[in-house]
């Protein structure tokens, strides 16, 4: 696949909109927010959380594992 093909089919992200995870989270249904928060508060694996959220068929989280770690540290104030 050529570079132009990959660029044309890549999901487009808007620049300068702050934390992508915060934006994604704000659009989740309440039950999903509760499950996401519960996962974090229980101290379960961030890598597994990233995998589950990024492969969601309806609303995938389109960030890297590092970006999720940054969200947890910067936006939630956690050192997990």
N, C-alpha and C. Protein backbone atom coordinates (compact mmCIF):
# COMPACT_ATOMS: atom_id res chain seq x y z
N UNK A 1 0.85 -1.16 0.00
CA UNK A 1 0.00 0.00 0.00
C UNK A 1 0.90 1.24 0.00
N UNK A 2 0.61 2.17 -0.86
CA UNK A 2 1.43 3.38 -0.98
C UNK A 2 1.15 4.34 0.17
N UNK A 3 2.05 5.30 0.34
CA UNK A 3 1.86 6.32 1.38
C UNK A 3 0.56 7.08 1.15
N UNK A 4 0.28 7.45 -0.08
CA UNK A 4 -0.95 8.20 -0.35
C UNK A 4 -2.19 7.38 0.00
N UNK A 5 -2.16 6.08 -0.26
CA UNK A 5 -3.28 5.21 0.10
C UNK A 5 -3.47 5.17 1.61
N UNK A 6 -2.37 5.03 2.33
CA UNK A 6 -2.46 4.98 3.79
C UNK A 6 -2.93 6.30 4.37
N UNK A 7 -2.45 7.42 3.82
CA UNK A 7 -2.88 8.74 4.31
C UNK A 7 -4.36 8.98 4.03
N UNK A 8 -4.80 8.55 2.87
CA UNK A 8 -6.20 8.77 2.49
C UNK A 8 -7.17 7.90 3.30
N UNK A 9 -6.70 6.78 3.81
CA UNK A 9 -7.58 5.88 4.57
C UNK A 9 -7.39 6.00 6.08
N UNK A 10 -6.40 6.76 6.51
CA UNK A 10 -6.15 6.91 7.96
C UNK A 10 -7.24 7.76 8.60
N UNK A 11 -7.61 7.41 9.86
CA UNK A 11 -8.58 8.26 10.55
C UNK A 11 -7.97 9.63 10.79
N UNK A 12 -8.74 10.65 10.53
CA UNK A 12 -8.25 12.02 10.66
C UNK A 12 -8.44 12.51 12.09
N UNK A 13 -7.40 13.12 12.63
CA UNK A 13 -7.47 13.69 13.97
C UNK A 13 -7.35 15.19 13.87
N UNK A 14 -8.15 15.85 14.65
CA UNK A 14 -8.10 17.31 14.68
C UNK A 14 -6.98 17.75 15.61
N UNK A 15 -6.16 18.72 15.19
CA UNK A 15 -5.09 19.21 16.06
C UNK A 15 -5.63 20.14 17.14
N UNK A 16 -4.84 20.29 18.17
CA UNK A 16 -5.12 21.27 19.23
C UNK A 16 -6.47 21.10 19.90
N UNK A 17 -6.88 19.89 20.13
CA UNK A 17 -8.14 19.72 20.83
C UNK A 17 -7.94 19.15 22.23
N UNK A 18 -6.73 19.22 22.71
CA UNK A 18 -6.46 18.75 24.07
C UNK A 18 -6.25 17.25 24.11
N UNK A 19 -6.52 16.70 25.26
CA UNK A 19 -6.31 15.26 25.47
C UNK A 19 -7.33 14.46 24.67
N UNK A 20 -6.84 13.64 23.78
CA UNK A 20 -7.72 12.82 22.94
C UNK A 20 -8.51 11.82 23.78
N UNK A 21 -7.90 11.30 24.85
CA UNK A 21 -8.61 10.36 25.72
C UNK A 21 -9.75 11.06 26.45
N UNK A 22 -9.51 12.28 26.93
CA UNK A 22 -10.58 13.03 27.60
C UNK A 22 -11.75 13.27 26.66
N UNK A 23 -11.44 13.61 25.42
CA UNK A 23 -12.50 13.83 24.43
C UNK A 23 -13.27 12.54 24.18
N UNK A 24 -12.56 11.44 23.97
CA UNK A 24 -13.18 10.13 23.74
C UNK A 24 -14.05 9.75 24.94
N UNK A 25 -13.50 9.91 26.14
CA UNK A 25 -14.20 9.56 27.37
C UNK A 25 -15.49 10.38 27.53
N UNK A 26 -15.43 11.65 27.19
CA UNK A 26 -16.61 12.52 27.36
C UNK A 26 -17.79 12.07 26.52
N UNK A 27 -17.53 11.33 25.47
CA UNK A 27 -18.61 10.86 24.58
C UNK A 27 -19.12 9.46 24.92
N UNK A 28 -18.54 8.84 25.96
CA UNK A 28 -18.97 7.49 26.35
C UNK A 28 -20.30 7.53 27.10
N UNK A 29 -21.09 6.47 26.97
CA UNK A 29 -22.28 6.34 27.82
C UNK A 29 -21.85 6.20 29.28
N UNK A 30 -22.73 6.55 30.20
CA UNK A 30 -22.40 6.51 31.63
C UNK A 30 -21.92 5.13 32.09
N UNK A 31 -22.54 4.08 31.60
CA UNK A 31 -22.13 2.73 32.01
C UNK A 31 -20.69 2.44 31.60
N UNK A 32 -20.30 2.90 30.41
CA UNK A 32 -18.93 2.69 29.93
C UNK A 32 -17.94 3.54 30.72
N UNK A 33 -18.33 4.75 31.08
CA UNK A 33 -17.48 5.59 31.91
C UNK A 33 -17.23 4.92 33.26
N UNK A 34 -18.29 4.37 33.83
CA UNK A 34 -18.17 3.70 35.12
C UNK A 34 -17.23 2.49 35.02
N UNK A 35 -17.35 1.72 33.95
CA UNK A 35 -16.49 0.56 33.77
C UNK A 35 -15.03 0.98 33.57
N UNK A 36 -14.80 2.03 32.79
CA UNK A 36 -13.46 2.56 32.55
C UNK A 36 -12.85 3.05 33.86
N UNK A 37 -13.61 3.84 34.61
CA UNK A 37 -13.13 4.36 35.90
C UNK A 37 -12.85 3.23 36.89
N UNK A 38 -13.73 2.24 36.90
CA UNK A 38 -13.55 1.10 37.80
C UNK A 38 -12.28 0.33 37.48
N UNK A 39 -12.01 0.16 36.20
CA UNK A 39 -10.80 -0.53 35.76
C UNK A 39 -9.57 0.19 36.32
N UNK A 40 -9.56 1.50 36.15
CA UNK A 40 -8.41 2.28 36.63
C UNK A 40 -8.31 2.26 38.15
N UNK A 41 -9.43 2.42 38.83
CA UNK A 41 -9.39 2.48 40.30
C UNK A 41 -8.99 1.15 40.92
N UNK A 42 -9.24 0.06 40.21
CA UNK A 42 -8.82 -1.25 40.70
C UNK A 42 -7.35 -1.55 40.41
N UNK A 43 -6.72 -0.66 39.62
CA UNK A 43 -5.30 -0.84 39.34
C UNK A 43 -4.99 -1.95 38.34
N UNK A 44 -5.97 -2.29 37.52
CA UNK A 44 -5.75 -3.34 36.54
C UNK A 44 -4.88 -2.83 35.39
N UNK A 45 -4.45 -3.71 34.56
CA UNK A 45 -3.47 -3.44 33.50
C UNK A 45 -3.90 -2.33 32.53
N UNK A 46 -3.04 -1.31 32.43
CA UNK A 46 -3.28 -0.24 31.44
C UNK A 46 -3.14 -0.78 30.02
N UNK A 47 -2.20 -1.68 29.82
CA UNK A 47 -2.02 -2.25 28.49
C UNK A 47 -3.28 -2.99 28.04
N UNK A 48 -3.85 -3.76 28.95
CA UNK A 48 -5.07 -4.49 28.62
C UNK A 48 -6.23 -3.52 28.38
N UNK A 49 -6.32 -2.48 29.21
CA UNK A 49 -7.35 -1.47 29.02
C UNK A 49 -7.21 -0.80 27.65
N UNK A 50 -5.98 -0.47 27.28
CA UNK A 50 -5.73 0.14 25.98
C UNK A 50 -6.17 -0.79 24.85
N UNK A 51 -5.82 -2.06 24.97
CA UNK A 51 -6.18 -3.03 23.93
C UNK A 51 -7.69 -3.14 23.79
N UNK A 52 -8.37 -3.23 24.90
CA UNK A 52 -9.83 -3.37 24.87
C UNK A 52 -10.48 -2.11 24.27
N UNK A 53 -10.03 -0.95 24.72
CA UNK A 53 -10.64 0.30 24.24
C UNK A 53 -10.29 0.60 22.79
N UNK A 54 -9.08 0.30 22.38
CA UNK A 54 -8.67 0.62 21.02
C UNK A 54 -9.23 -0.35 19.98
N UNK A 55 -9.73 -1.49 20.43
CA UNK A 55 -10.32 -2.45 19.49
C UNK A 55 -11.84 -2.49 19.59
N UNK A 56 -12.42 -1.53 20.32
CA UNK A 56 -13.87 -1.47 20.42
C UNK A 56 -14.47 -1.26 19.03
N UNK A 57 -15.40 -2.10 18.61
CA UNK A 57 -15.93 -1.98 17.24
C UNK A 57 -16.81 -0.75 17.03
N UNK A 58 -17.41 -0.21 18.08
CA UNK A 58 -18.33 0.92 17.93
C UNK A 58 -17.67 2.28 18.13
N UNK A 59 -16.71 2.36 19.07
CA UNK A 59 -16.10 3.64 19.39
C UNK A 59 -14.65 3.41 19.84
N UNK A 60 -13.77 3.09 18.91
CA UNK A 60 -12.39 2.78 19.31
C UNK A 60 -11.63 4.01 19.81
N UNK A 61 -10.81 3.79 20.80
CA UNK A 61 -9.90 4.82 21.30
C UNK A 61 -8.69 4.81 20.38
N UNK A 62 -8.48 5.88 19.65
CA UNK A 62 -7.45 5.90 18.59
C UNK A 62 -6.19 6.64 19.04
N UNK A 63 -5.63 6.17 20.15
CA UNK A 63 -4.39 6.76 20.67
C UNK A 63 -3.39 5.65 20.97
N UNK A 64 -2.17 6.03 21.21
CA UNK A 64 -1.14 5.06 21.56
C UNK A 64 -1.22 4.71 23.04
N UNK A 65 -0.53 3.65 23.41
CA UNK A 65 -0.45 3.26 24.81
C UNK A 65 0.19 4.39 25.62
N UNK A 66 1.20 5.03 25.07
CA UNK A 66 1.87 6.14 25.75
C UNK A 66 0.90 7.29 26.01
N UNK A 67 0.05 7.58 25.04
CA UNK A 67 -0.94 8.66 25.22
C UNK A 67 -1.92 8.31 26.32
N UNK A 68 -2.30 7.05 26.44
CA UNK A 68 -3.19 6.64 27.53
C UNK A 68 -2.48 6.81 28.87
N UNK A 69 -1.23 6.42 28.94
CA UNK A 69 -0.46 6.61 30.18
C UNK A 69 -0.37 8.09 30.53
N UNK A 70 -0.15 8.93 29.52
CA UNK A 70 -0.10 10.38 29.76
C UNK A 70 -1.43 10.89 30.28
N UNK A 71 -2.53 10.39 29.74
CA UNK A 71 -3.86 10.78 30.21
C UNK A 71 -4.02 10.42 31.69
N UNK A 72 -3.67 9.20 32.04
CA UNK A 72 -3.82 8.76 33.43
C UNK A 72 -2.97 9.62 34.35
N UNK A 73 -1.76 9.92 33.94
CA UNK A 73 -0.86 10.73 34.77
C UNK A 73 -1.27 12.20 34.79
N UNK A 74 -1.44 12.79 33.62
CA UNK A 74 -1.67 14.24 33.51
C UNK A 74 -3.11 14.65 33.85
N UNK A 75 -4.07 13.91 33.37
CA UNK A 75 -5.47 14.33 33.52
C UNK A 75 -6.13 13.77 34.78
N UNK A 76 -5.67 12.60 35.20
CA UNK A 76 -6.28 11.97 36.37
C UNK A 76 -5.40 12.07 37.61
N UNK A 77 -4.16 12.51 37.43
CA UNK A 77 -3.26 12.68 38.55
C UNK A 77 -2.82 11.40 39.20
N UNK A 78 -2.75 10.34 38.43
CA UNK A 78 -2.36 9.04 38.96
C UNK A 78 -0.98 8.64 38.45
N UNK A 79 -0.25 7.91 39.27
CA UNK A 79 1.08 7.44 38.85
C UNK A 79 1.04 6.00 38.36
N UNK A 80 -0.13 5.48 38.03
CA UNK A 80 -0.26 4.09 37.58
C UNK A 80 0.36 3.91 36.23
